[in-house]
Amino acid sequence: MNLQISGHHVEVTPALRDYVENKLSPVVNHFERVTGITAILSVEKLKQKAEVTVHVPGREIFVESSENDLYAAIDSMCDKLDRQVQKHKQKLGDHHRGNKVTSHLAE
């Protein structure tokens, strides 16, 4: 898995990089076929913004969060990403399950 972390109007310190990596690792463990992750941390006036794009086969999952604190924005972003990755994984598992014909309708 390829992880890219960049900053826009903010310096990505080693502590910030470790925090993002630690928050993203459980999310990636839910879905083993992640090919790459791109995270962008930015500061816009008084808001701290964190956004991430997770590349999986056949789809890209994009999540962004904006808070007053950058660490809170990262936490919120990871919570949203976790829900979207689980939803995507559930959709892959439920593929073709809704097309079954029940016996009483076929008669």
C-alpha atoms as a PDB file:
ATOM      1  CA  MET A   1       0.000   0.000   0.000  1.00  0.00           C
ATOM      2  CA  ASN A   2       1.238   3.441  -0.953  1.00  0.00           C
ATOM      3  CA  LEU A   3       0.571   6.247   1.565  1.00  0.00           C
ATOM      4  CA  GLN A   4       1.110   9.885   0.582  1.00  0.00           C
ATOM      5  CA  ILE A   5       0.641  12.666   3.143  1.00  0.00           C
ATOM      6  CA  SER A   6       1.011  16.273   2.076  1.00  0.00           C
ATOM      7  CA  GLY A   7       0.257  19.647   3.594  1.00  0.00           C
ATOM      8  CA  HIS A   8      -1.223  22.802   2.124  1.00  0.00           C
ATOM      9  CA  HIS A   9      -0.221  25.891   4.152  1.00  0.00           C
ATOM     10  CA  VAL A  10       0.883  23.561   6.954  1.00  0.00           C
ATOM     11  CA  GLU A  11       4.105  21.664   7.577  1.00  0.00           C
ATOM     12  CA  VAL A  12       3.651  17.927   7.971  1.00  0.00           C
ATOM     13  CA  THR A  13       5.802  17.111  10.981  1.00  0.00           C
ATOM     14  CA  PRO A  14       6.881  13.558  11.825  1.00  0.00           C
ATOM     15  CA  ALA A  15       4.474  13.562  14.794  1.00  0.00           C
ATOM     16  CA  LEU A  16       1.586  14.610  12.528  1.00  0.00           C
ATOM     17  CA  ARG A  17       2.582  11.987   9.944  1.00  0.00           C
ATOM     18  CA  ASP A  18       2.665   9.248  12.619  1.00  0.00           C
ATOM     19  CA  TYR A  19      -0.731  10.354  13.946  1.00  0.00           C
ATOM     20  CA  VAL A  20      -2.318  10.120  10.477  1.00  0.00           C
ATOM     21  CA  GLU A  21      -0.700   6.736   9.802  1.00  0.00           C
ATOM     22  CA  ASN A  22      -1.895   5.348  13.156  1.00  0.00           C
ATOM     23  CA  LYS A  23      -5.450   6.602  12.564  1.00  0.00           C
ATOM     24  CA  LEU A  24      -5.603   5.199   9.018  1.00  0.00           C
ATOM     25  CA  SER A  25      -4.139   1.760   9.799  1.00  0.00           C
ATOM     26  CA  PRO A  26      -7.314   0.286  11.424  1.00  0.00           C
ATOM     27  CA  VAL A  27      -9.409   1.597   8.544  1.00  0.00           C
ATOM     28  CA  VAL A  28      -7.107  -0.043   6.010  1.00  0.00           C
ATOM     29  CA  ASN A  29      -7.219  -3.315   7.969  1.00  0.00           C
ATOM     30  CA  HIS A  30     -10.984  -3.501   7.370  1.00  0.00           C
ATOM     31  CA  PHE A  31     -10.397  -3.680   3.625  1.00  0.00           C
ATOM     32  CA  GLU A  32      -7.287  -5.565   2.555  1.00  0.00           C
ATOM     33  CA  ARG A  33      -7.331  -4.560  -1.127  1.00  0.00           C
ATOM     34  CA  VAL A  34      -6.334  -0.899  -0.648  1.00  0.00           C
ATOM     35  CA  THR A  35      -3.828   0.042  -3.357  1.00  0.00           C
ATOM     36  CA  GLY A  36      -3.031   3.563  -2.201  1.00  0.00           C
ATOM     37  CA  ILE A  37      -3.976   6.421   0.095  1.00  0.00           C
ATOM     38  CA  THR A  38      -3.529  10.139  -0.499  1.00  0.00           C
ATOM     39  CA  ALA A  39      -4.030  12.443   2.497  1.00  0.00           C
ATOM     40  CA  ILE A  40      -3.980  16.242   2.337  1.00  0.00           C
ATOM     41  CA  LEU A  41      -3.867  18.381   5.467  1.00  0.00           C
ATOM     42  CA  SER A  42      -4.581  22.082   5.017  1.00  0.00           C
ATOM     43  CA  VAL A  43      -5.312  25.303   6.881  1.00  0.00           C
ATOM     44  CA  GLU A  44      -7.930  27.694   5.526  1.00  0.00           C
ATOM     45  CA  LYS A  45      -8.298  30.851   7.642  1.00  0.00           C
ATOM     46  CA  LEU A  46      -9.579  29.557  11.014  1.00  0.00           C
ATOM     47  CA  LYS A  47     -10.535  26.043   9.862  1.00  0.00           C
ATOM     48  CA  GLN A  48      -8.226  23.037   9.783  1.00  0.00           C
ATOM     49  CA  LYS A  49      -9.084  20.618   7.006  1.00  0.00           C
ATOM     50  CA  ALA A  50      -8.163  16.963   6.478  1.00  0.00           C
ATOM     51  CA  GLU A  51      -9.062  15.045   3.343  1.00  0.00           C
ATOM     52  CA  VAL A  52      -8.182  11.583   2.159  1.00  0.00           C
ATOM     53  CA  THR A  53      -8.662   9.530  -0.979  1.00  0.00           C
ATOM     54  CA  VAL A  54      -8.464   5.751  -0.657  1.00  0.00           C
ATOM     55  CA  HIS A  55      -7.819   3.871  -3.889  1.00  0.00           C
ATOM     56  CA  VAL A  56      -9.416   0.420  -4.057  1.00  0.00           C
ATOM     57  CA  PRO A  57      -9.940  -1.713  -7.164  1.00  0.00           C
ATOM     58  CA  GLY A  58     -12.808  -0.232  -9.147  1.00  0.00           C
ATOM     59  CA  ARG A  59     -13.418   2.781  -6.920  1.00  0.00           C
ATOM     60  CA  GLU A  60     -11.928   5.742  -5.115  1.00  0.00           C
ATOM     61  CA  ILE A  61     -13.329   6.672  -1.708  1.00  0.00           C
ATOM     62  CA  PHE A  62     -12.999  10.381  -0.853  1.00  0.00           C
ATOM     63  CA  VAL A  63     -13.641  11.870   2.588  1.00  0.00           C
ATOM     64  CA  GLU A  64     -13.014  15.332   3.980  1.00  0.00           C
ATOM     65  CA  SER A  65     -13.499  16.936   7.362  1.00  0.00           C
ATOM     66  CA  SER A  66     -13.093  20.462   8.654  1.00  0.00           C
ATOM     67  CA  GLU A  67     -12.692  21.364  12.344  1.00  0.00           C
ATOM     68  CA  ASN A  68     -11.105  24.042  14.533  1.00  0.00           C
ATOM     69  CA  ASP A  69      -8.274  21.659  15.487  1.00  0.00           C
ATOM     70  CA  LEU A  70      -6.277  19.637  12.949  1.00  0.00           C
ATOM     71  CA  TYR A  71      -6.181  16.543  15.157  1.00  0.00           C
ATOM     72  CA  ALA A  72      -9.976  16.703  15.593  1.00  0.00           C
ATOM     73  CA  ALA A  73     -10.334  17.010  11.805  1.00  0.00           C
ATOM     74  CA  ILE A  74      -8.161  13.910  11.334  1.00  0.00           C
ATOM     75  CA  ASP A  75     -10.243  11.979  13.901  1.00  0.00           C
ATOM     76  CA  SER A  76     -13.508  12.993  12.233  1.00  0.00           C
ATOM     77  CA  MET A  77     -12.130  12.151   8.784  1.00  0.00           C
ATOM     78  CA  CYS A  78     -11.048   8.674   9.920  1.00  0.00           C
ATOM     79  CA  ASP A  79     -14.475   7.987  11.452  1.00  0.00           C
ATOM     80  CA  LYS A  80     -16.184   8.948   8.188  1.00  0.00           C
ATOM     81  CA  LEU A  81     -13.693   6.918   6.171  1.00  0.00           C
ATOM     82  CA  ASP A  82     -14.227   3.864   8.367  1.00  0.00           C
ATOM     83  CA  ARG A  83     -17.991   4.006   7.757  1.00  0.00           C
ATOM     84  CA  GLN A  84     -17.543   4.406   3.992  1.00  0.00           C
ATOM     85  CA  VAL A  85     -15.006   1.566   3.722  1.00  0.00           C
ATOM     86  CA  GLN A  86     -17.300  -0.770   5.692  1.00  0.00           C
ATOM     87  CA  LYS A  87     -20.242   0.258   3.473  1.00  0.00           C
ATOM     88  CA  HIS A  88     -18.192  -0.416   0.331  1.00  0.00           C
ATOM     89  CA  LYS A  89     -17.058  -3.788   1.671  1.00  0.00           C
ATOM     90  CA  GLN A  90     -20.658  -4.715   2.521  1.00  0.00           C
ATOM     91  CA  LYS A  91     -21.790  -3.799  -0.992  1.00  0.00           C
ATOM     92  CA  LEU A  92     -19.137  -6.078  -2.459  1.00  0.00           C
ATOM     93  CA  GLY A  93     -20.273  -8.935  -0.221  1.00  0.00           C
ATOM     94  CA  ASP A  94     -23.983  -8.444  -0.986  1.00  0.00           C
ATOM     95  CA  HIS A  95     -23.451  -8.617  -4.739  1.00  0.00           C
ATOM     96  CA  HIS A  96     -26.272 -10.542  -6.484  1.00  0.00           C
ATOM     97  CA  ARG A  97     -28.043 -11.517  -3.267  1.00  0.00           C
ATOM     98  CA  GLY A  98     -31.190  -9.506  -3.987  1.00  0.00           C
ATOM     99  CA  ASN A  99     -32.017 -11.322  -7.257  1.00  0.00           C
ATOM    100  CA  LYS A 100     -33.316 -14.578  -5.741  1.00  0.00           C
ATOM    101  CA  VAL A 101     -36.836 -15.618  -6.721  1.00  0.00           C
ATOM    102  CA  THR A 102     -38.878 -16.975  -3.834  1.00  0.00           C
ATOM    103  CA  SER A 103     -40.812 -20.200  -4.401  1.00  0.00           C
ATOM    104  CA  HIS A 104     -44.280 -18.786  -3.767  1.00  0.00           C
ATOM    105  CA  LEU A 105     -43.771 -16.011  -6.340  1.00  0.00           C
ATOM    106  CA  ALA A 106     -42.567 -18.394  -9.034  1.00  0.00           C
ATOM    107  CA  GLU A 107     -45.764 -20.438  -9.041  1.00  0.00           C
END
